[in-house]
Amino acid sequence: MILVSVVIPTYKRNRDLTLCLKAIGKNISFNLNENVEIIVTDDSPNGAAKELIASSFPTVQWTKGPGKGPAANRNHGASLAKGEWLIFLDDDCIPTQDWLIAYQDKFNNGFQVLEGRTVTDRVQIRLNEEAPINEEGGNLWSCNFAIKSDVFFEMGMFDEHFPYAAMEDTDFYVRLLQAKRKILFTPNALVVHPWRVITPFNGGLQKRLNSQKYFLDKHLPNRNISFRWARSKMLILSTCQDIYKLIQFKGRGALYFLERVYFNWRMIFI
């Protein structure tokens, strides 16, 4: 019986995926541990990871993704899984050596969802770097969490209707809380996530705003003056914090600063 299915969506990141799978290999023996399966669901054009998996990781299951974004890709991988538990991991994350053991140790503790810890590999050096850091819990980032398979499907999986690759994991987290599902922060289930350099004003801004609007329309359809006031305070606080960081980073990421100010201003009226 397969106990754990690790689902890894990928998209044109063979180098990162190789490092990820090698790190998982330090957690388990692909040839000896029959309780664990690894599923790589590949949204890359022409299935770029297929040859890599066949040649270097033959016990890993490769599947062609649906090509509809990361939410759909994760759902696709989960639909093929045979495990009692699903673990979602991003292709550019490096699990630490005891990552899988840390999850398995909590499987029988009465919790249905386990939230892993996510850190970066170095300090931030420019403002336009982003990473889904989760040091203390309260952020069920899709790059590192475990969930009972039956609970995942009962909750309706990830919402594939978000217009941009953002907020679908937050939406899933909110739905879990609303359904009073038990969630346990598991700090020893640790992965390292690299910083991503964000190119500002490249067309993604409006898509991010659209995703935010879709999320709010689902969970906060009646946005009153209290919401506007809270977002106004967030604009002021975020701008002050970013100015301080920008000075530290000697201006690296200045255009991104302007995009963030504009984004937070638009969020007041969304």
Protein backbone atom coordinates (compact mmCIF):
# COMPACT_ATOMS: atom_id res chain seq x y z
CA MET A 1 0.00 0.00 0.00
CA ILE A 2 1.29 3.44 -0.92
CA LEU A 3 1.19 5.77 2.06
CA VAL A 4 2.60 8.97 0.52
CA SER A 5 2.28 10.51 -2.94
CA VAL A 6 4.62 13.45 -3.55
CA VAL A 7 3.16 15.63 -6.32
CA ILE A 8 5.59 17.97 -8.11
CA PRO A 9 4.28 20.26 -10.86
CA THR A 10 6.98 21.45 -13.22
CA TYR A 11 7.33 23.91 -16.07
CA LYS A 12 10.59 24.31 -18.01
CA ARG A 13 12.82 23.88 -14.93
CA ASN A 14 14.79 20.70 -15.57
CA ARG A 15 17.85 21.93 -13.69
CA ASP A 16 15.82 22.85 -10.62
CA LEU A 17 13.77 19.67 -10.88
CA THR A 18 16.97 17.58 -10.90
CA LEU A 19 18.14 19.19 -7.66
CA CYS A 20 14.70 18.70 -6.13
CA LEU A 21 14.51 15.00 -6.99
CA LYS A 22 18.05 14.37 -5.79
CA ALA A 23 17.15 15.97 -2.47
CA ILE A 24 14.08 13.74 -2.18
CA GLY A 25 16.37 10.80 -2.89
CA LYS A 26 18.26 11.64 0.31
CA ASN A 27 14.96 11.27 2.19
CA ILE A 28 14.03 7.90 0.72
CA SER A 29 15.37 5.10 -1.40
CA PHE A 30 13.40 5.08 -4.62
CA ASN A 31 14.11 1.39 -5.03
CA LEU A 32 13.39 0.22 -1.48
CA ASN A 33 10.56 2.32 -0.09
CA GLU A 34 7.37 1.02 -1.65
CA ASN A 35 5.25 3.26 0.57
CA VAL A 36 6.22 6.41 -1.33
CA GLU A 37 5.54 7.41 -4.93
CA ILE A 38 6.82 10.53 -6.70
CA ILE A 39 4.66 12.08 -9.43
CA VAL A 40 6.06 14.79 -11.69
CA THR A 41 3.32 16.46 -13.71
CA ASP A 42 4.89 18.38 -16.56
CA ASP A 43 3.33 21.47 -18.14
CA SER A 44 6.46 22.19 -20.19
CA PRO A 45 6.10 22.36 -23.98
CA ASN A 46 6.77 18.96 -25.52
CA GLY A 47 7.12 17.38 -22.07
CA ALA A 48 10.63 18.70 -21.42
CA ALA A 49 11.11 16.67 -18.21
CA LYS A 50 10.08 13.31 -19.67
CA GLU A 51 13.54 12.31 -20.91
CA LEU A 52 15.17 13.56 -17.72
CA ILE A 53 12.88 11.40 -15.57
CA ALA A 54 13.33 8.34 -17.76
CA SER A 55 17.11 8.55 -17.80
CA SER A 56 17.96 9.75 -14.30
CA PHE A 57 14.94 8.98 -12.09
CA PRO A 58 13.30 5.86 -13.56
CA THR A 59 11.19 5.10 -10.46
CA VAL A 60 9.58 8.56 -10.60
CA GLN A 61 6.26 8.72 -12.44
CA TRP A 62 6.14 11.33 -15.22
CA THR A 63 2.87 12.59 -16.65
CA LYS A 64 1.99 15.27 -19.14
CA GLY A 65 0.23 18.16 -17.43
CA PRO A 66 -3.03 19.73 -18.65
CA GLY A 67 -1.33 23.02 -19.61
CA LYS A 68 -3.80 25.18 -17.70
CA GLY A 69 -1.58 26.62 -14.98
CA PRO A 70 -0.15 25.35 -11.68
CA ALA A 71 -3.48 24.80 -9.91
CA ALA A 72 -4.71 22.50 -12.65
CA ASN A 73 -1.30 20.85 -12.83
CA ARG A 74 -1.33 20.03 -9.11
CA ASN A 75 -4.89 18.73 -9.35
CA HIS A 76 -3.87 16.54 -12.27
CA GLY A 77 -0.99 15.02 -10.32
CA ALA A 78 -3.23 14.42 -7.31
CA SER A 79 -5.81 12.67 -9.50
CA LEU A 80 -3.18 10.07 -10.41
CA ALA A 81 -1.92 9.57 -6.86
CA LYS A 82 -2.46 6.30 -4.98
CA GLY A 83 -1.26 7.49 -1.58
CA GLU A 84 -3.28 7.94 1.58
CA TRP A 85 -1.46 11.26 1.97
CA LEU A 86 -0.55 13.83 -0.67
CA ILE A 87 2.50 16.05 -0.32
CA PHE A 88 2.71 19.05 -2.65
CA LEU A 89 6.21 20.26 -3.48
CA ASP A 90 7.43 22.81 -6.04
CA ASP A 91 10.04 21.84 -8.62
CA ASP A 92 12.46 24.55 -7.44
CA CYS A 93 12.32 23.57 -3.75
CA ILE A 94 15.06 21.60 -2.01
CA PRO A 95 13.75 19.39 0.81
CA THR A 96 16.09 18.93 3.76
CA GLN A 97 17.18 15.43 4.70
CA ASP A 98 14.48 14.77 7.32
CA TRP A 99 11.66 16.49 5.42
CA LEU A 100 9.66 13.36 4.61
CA ILE A 101 10.26 11.75 8.01
CA ALA A 102 9.01 14.91 9.71
CA TYR A 103 5.73 14.62 7.82
CA GLN A 104 5.39 10.87 8.38
CA ASP A 105 5.91 11.28 12.13
CA LYS A 106 2.75 13.43 12.28
CA PHE A 107 0.47 11.30 10.10
CA ASN A 108 -1.24 9.62 13.06
CA ASN A 109 -1.60 12.69 15.29
CA GLY A 110 -5.22 13.37 14.39
CA PHE A 111 -4.46 16.19 11.95
CA GLN A 112 -5.68 16.12 8.37
CA VAL A 113 -3.36 18.79 6.99
CA LEU A 114 0.33 19.36 7.77
CA GLU A 115 1.89 22.72 6.95
CA GLY A 116 5.61 22.53 6.23
CA ARG A 117 8.23 25.23 6.84
CA THR A 118 9.77 27.10 3.90
CA VAL A 119 12.93 29.21 4.07
CA THR A 120 15.27 30.81 1.55
CA ASP A 121 18.88 29.91 0.82
CA ARG A 122 20.33 33.37 1.53
CA VAL A 123 19.42 36.88 2.61
CA GLN A 124 17.47 39.08 0.21
CA ILE A 125 19.74 41.38 -1.83
CA ARG A 126 17.26 43.36 -3.95
CA LEU A 127 13.66 44.49 -3.57
CA ASN A 128 12.38 42.70 -6.67
CA GLU A 129 13.08 39.25 -5.22
CA GLU A 130 10.18 37.17 -3.95
CA ALA A 131 9.91 33.83 -2.16
CA PRO A 132 7.04 32.09 -0.31
CA ILE A 133 8.70 32.21 3.12
CA ASN A 134 6.81 30.40 5.88
CA GLU A 135 8.83 30.37 9.11
CA GLU A 136 6.10 30.20 11.74
CA GLY A 137 2.99 28.79 10.06
CA GLY A 138 -0.25 30.41 9.00
CA ASN A 139 0.64 30.28 5.28
CA LEU A 140 -0.35 27.05 3.57
CA TRP A 141 1.87 27.66 0.55
CA SER A 142 1.39 25.03 -2.13
CA CYS A 143 5.15 24.55 -2.43
CA ASN A 144 5.27 22.49 0.79
CA PHE A 145 2.33 20.92 2.58
CA ALA A 146 0.76 17.51 3.19
CA ILE A 147 -2.93 16.60 3.24
CA LYS A 148 -5.01 13.45 3.52
CA SER A 149 -6.02 12.48 -0.01
CA ASP A 150 -9.71 12.11 0.81
CA VAL A 151 -9.76 15.54 2.45
CA PHE A 152 -8.12 17.14 -0.59
CA PHE A 153 -10.82 15.82 -2.91
CA GLU A 154 -13.63 16.51 -0.44
CA MET A 155 -12.49 20.15 -0.36
CA GLY A 156 -12.78 20.37 -4.14
CA MET A 157 -9.01 20.51 -4.84
CA PHE A 158 -7.36 23.76 -5.97
CA ASP A 159 -9.63 26.25 -7.70
CA GLU A 160 -8.50 26.28 -11.35
CA HIS A 161 -10.41 29.46 -12.20
CA PHE A 162 -7.88 31.93 -10.82
CA PRO A 163 -6.74 34.03 -13.81
CA TYR A 164 -3.11 34.07 -12.65
CA ALA A 165 -0.78 31.73 -10.75
CA ALA A 166 -1.46 33.41 -7.42
CA MET A 167 -3.92 33.09 -4.52
CA GLU A 168 -5.14 29.58 -5.34
CA ASP A 169 -3.28 28.15 -2.32
CA THR A 170 -4.54 30.96 -0.06
CA ASP A 171 -8.06 30.23 -1.29
CA PHE A 172 -7.60 26.53 -0.47
CA TYR A 173 -6.30 27.44 3.01
CA VAL A 174 -9.31 29.68 3.68
CA ARG A 175 -11.68 26.92 2.61
CA LEU A 176 -9.95 24.47 4.96
CA LEU A 177 -10.33 26.89 7.86
CA GLN A 178 -13.98 27.48 7.02
CA ALA A 179 -14.53 23.71 7.02
CA LYS A 180 -12.75 23.47 10.42
CA ARG A 181 -10.16 21.02 9.14
CA LYS A 182 -7.29 20.39 11.55
CA ILE A 183 -4.00 21.92 10.37
CA LEU A 184 -0.66 21.37 12.13
CA PHE A 185 2.44 23.46 11.48
CA THR A 186 5.35 21.02 11.10
CA PRO A 187 8.59 23.04 11.27
CA ASN A 188 10.91 20.07 10.72
CA ALA A 189 9.26 19.42 7.35
CA LEU A 190 11.62 22.00 5.92
CA VAL A 191 12.32 22.98 2.32
CA VAL A 192 14.60 25.65 0.89
CA HIS A 193 13.00 27.87 -1.74
CA PRO A 194 15.23 30.16 -3.86
CA TRP A 195 14.48 33.82 -4.40
CA ARG A 196 12.78 34.63 -7.71
CA VAL A 197 13.69 37.88 -9.46
CA ILE A 198 10.50 39.66 -10.54
CA THR A 199 10.49 41.76 -13.69
CA PRO A 200 8.18 44.72 -13.03
CA PHE A 201 5.67 46.13 -15.51
CA ASN A 202 5.88 43.06 -17.76
CA GLY A 203 2.16 42.46 -18.08
CA GLY A 204 1.69 40.41 -14.93
CA LEU A 205 0.42 43.25 -12.75
CA GLN A 206 -3.14 43.27 -14.06
CA LYS A 207 -3.30 39.47 -13.88
CA ARG A 208 -2.28 39.61 -10.22
CA LEU A 209 -4.96 42.20 -9.56
CA ASN A 210 -7.51 40.01 -11.34
CA SER A 211 -6.55 37.07 -9.13
CA GLN A 212 -6.91 39.21 -6.03
CA LYS A 213 -10.35 40.37 -7.19
CA TYR A 214 -11.46 36.80 -7.90
CA PHE A 215 -10.34 35.76 -4.41
CA LEU A 216 -12.09 38.70 -2.73
CA ASP A 217 -15.26 38.18 -4.74
CA LYS A 218 -15.35 34.60 -3.41
CA HIS A 219 -14.58 35.34 0.22
CA LEU A 220 -15.35 39.03 0.79
CA PRO A 221 -17.94 40.09 -1.80
CA ASN A 222 -19.17 43.09 0.21
CA ARG A 223 -16.09 45.25 0.62
CA ASN A 224 -17.05 48.21 2.80
CA ILE A 225 -15.23 51.29 4.06
CA SER A 226 -13.40 49.21 6.70
CA PHE A 227 -11.78 47.18 3.93
CA ARG A 228 -10.76 50.36 2.05
CA TRP A 229 -9.32 51.86 5.22
CA ALA A 230 -7.36 48.68 6.04
CA ARG A 231 -5.93 48.61 2.51
CA SER A 232 -5.02 52.31 2.77
CA LYS A 233 -3.07 51.65 5.96
CA MET A 234 -1.41 48.68 4.27
CA LEU A 235 -0.35 50.93 1.38
CA ILE A 236 1.29 53.39 3.79
CA LEU A 237 3.01 50.69 5.87
CA SER A 238 4.20 48.70 2.85
CA THR A 239 5.56 51.82 1.14
CA CYS A 240 7.52 52.84 4.23
CA GLN A 241 8.95 49.35 4.65
CA ASP A 242 9.88 49.14 0.98
CA ILE A 243 11.62 52.53 1.06
CA TYR A 244 13.70 51.33 4.01
CA LYS A 245 14.60 48.11 2.16
CA LEU A 246 15.34 49.99 -1.06
CA ILE A 247 17.86 52.13 0.81
CA GLN A 248 19.46 48.96 2.21
CA PHE A 249 19.59 47.41 -1.25
CA LYS A 250 21.12 50.60 -2.73
CA GLY A 251 18.23 51.10 -5.13
CA ARG A 252 18.23 47.57 -6.56
CA GLY A 253 14.62 46.90 -7.51
CA ALA A 254 13.44 50.53 -7.74
CA LEU A 255 11.00 49.84 -10.60
CA TYR A 256 9.50 47.02 -8.61
CA PHE A 257 8.97 49.46 -5.76
CA LEU A 258 6.89 51.65 -8.06
CA GLU A 259 4.87 48.65 -9.20
CA ARG A 260 4.18 47.63 -5.59
CA VAL A 261 3.00 51.12 -4.71
CA TYR A 262 0.67 51.11 -7.70
CA PHE A 263 -0.55 47.58 -6.89
CA ASN A 264 -1.34 48.45 -3.27
CA TRP A 265 -3.07 51.66 -4.36
CA ARG A 266 -5.25 49.71 -6.84
CA MET A 267 -6.12 47.21 -4.11
CA ILE A 268 -7.87 49.98 -2.15
CA PHE A 269 -10.51 50.26 -4.87
CA ILE A 270 -10.64 46.67 -6.11
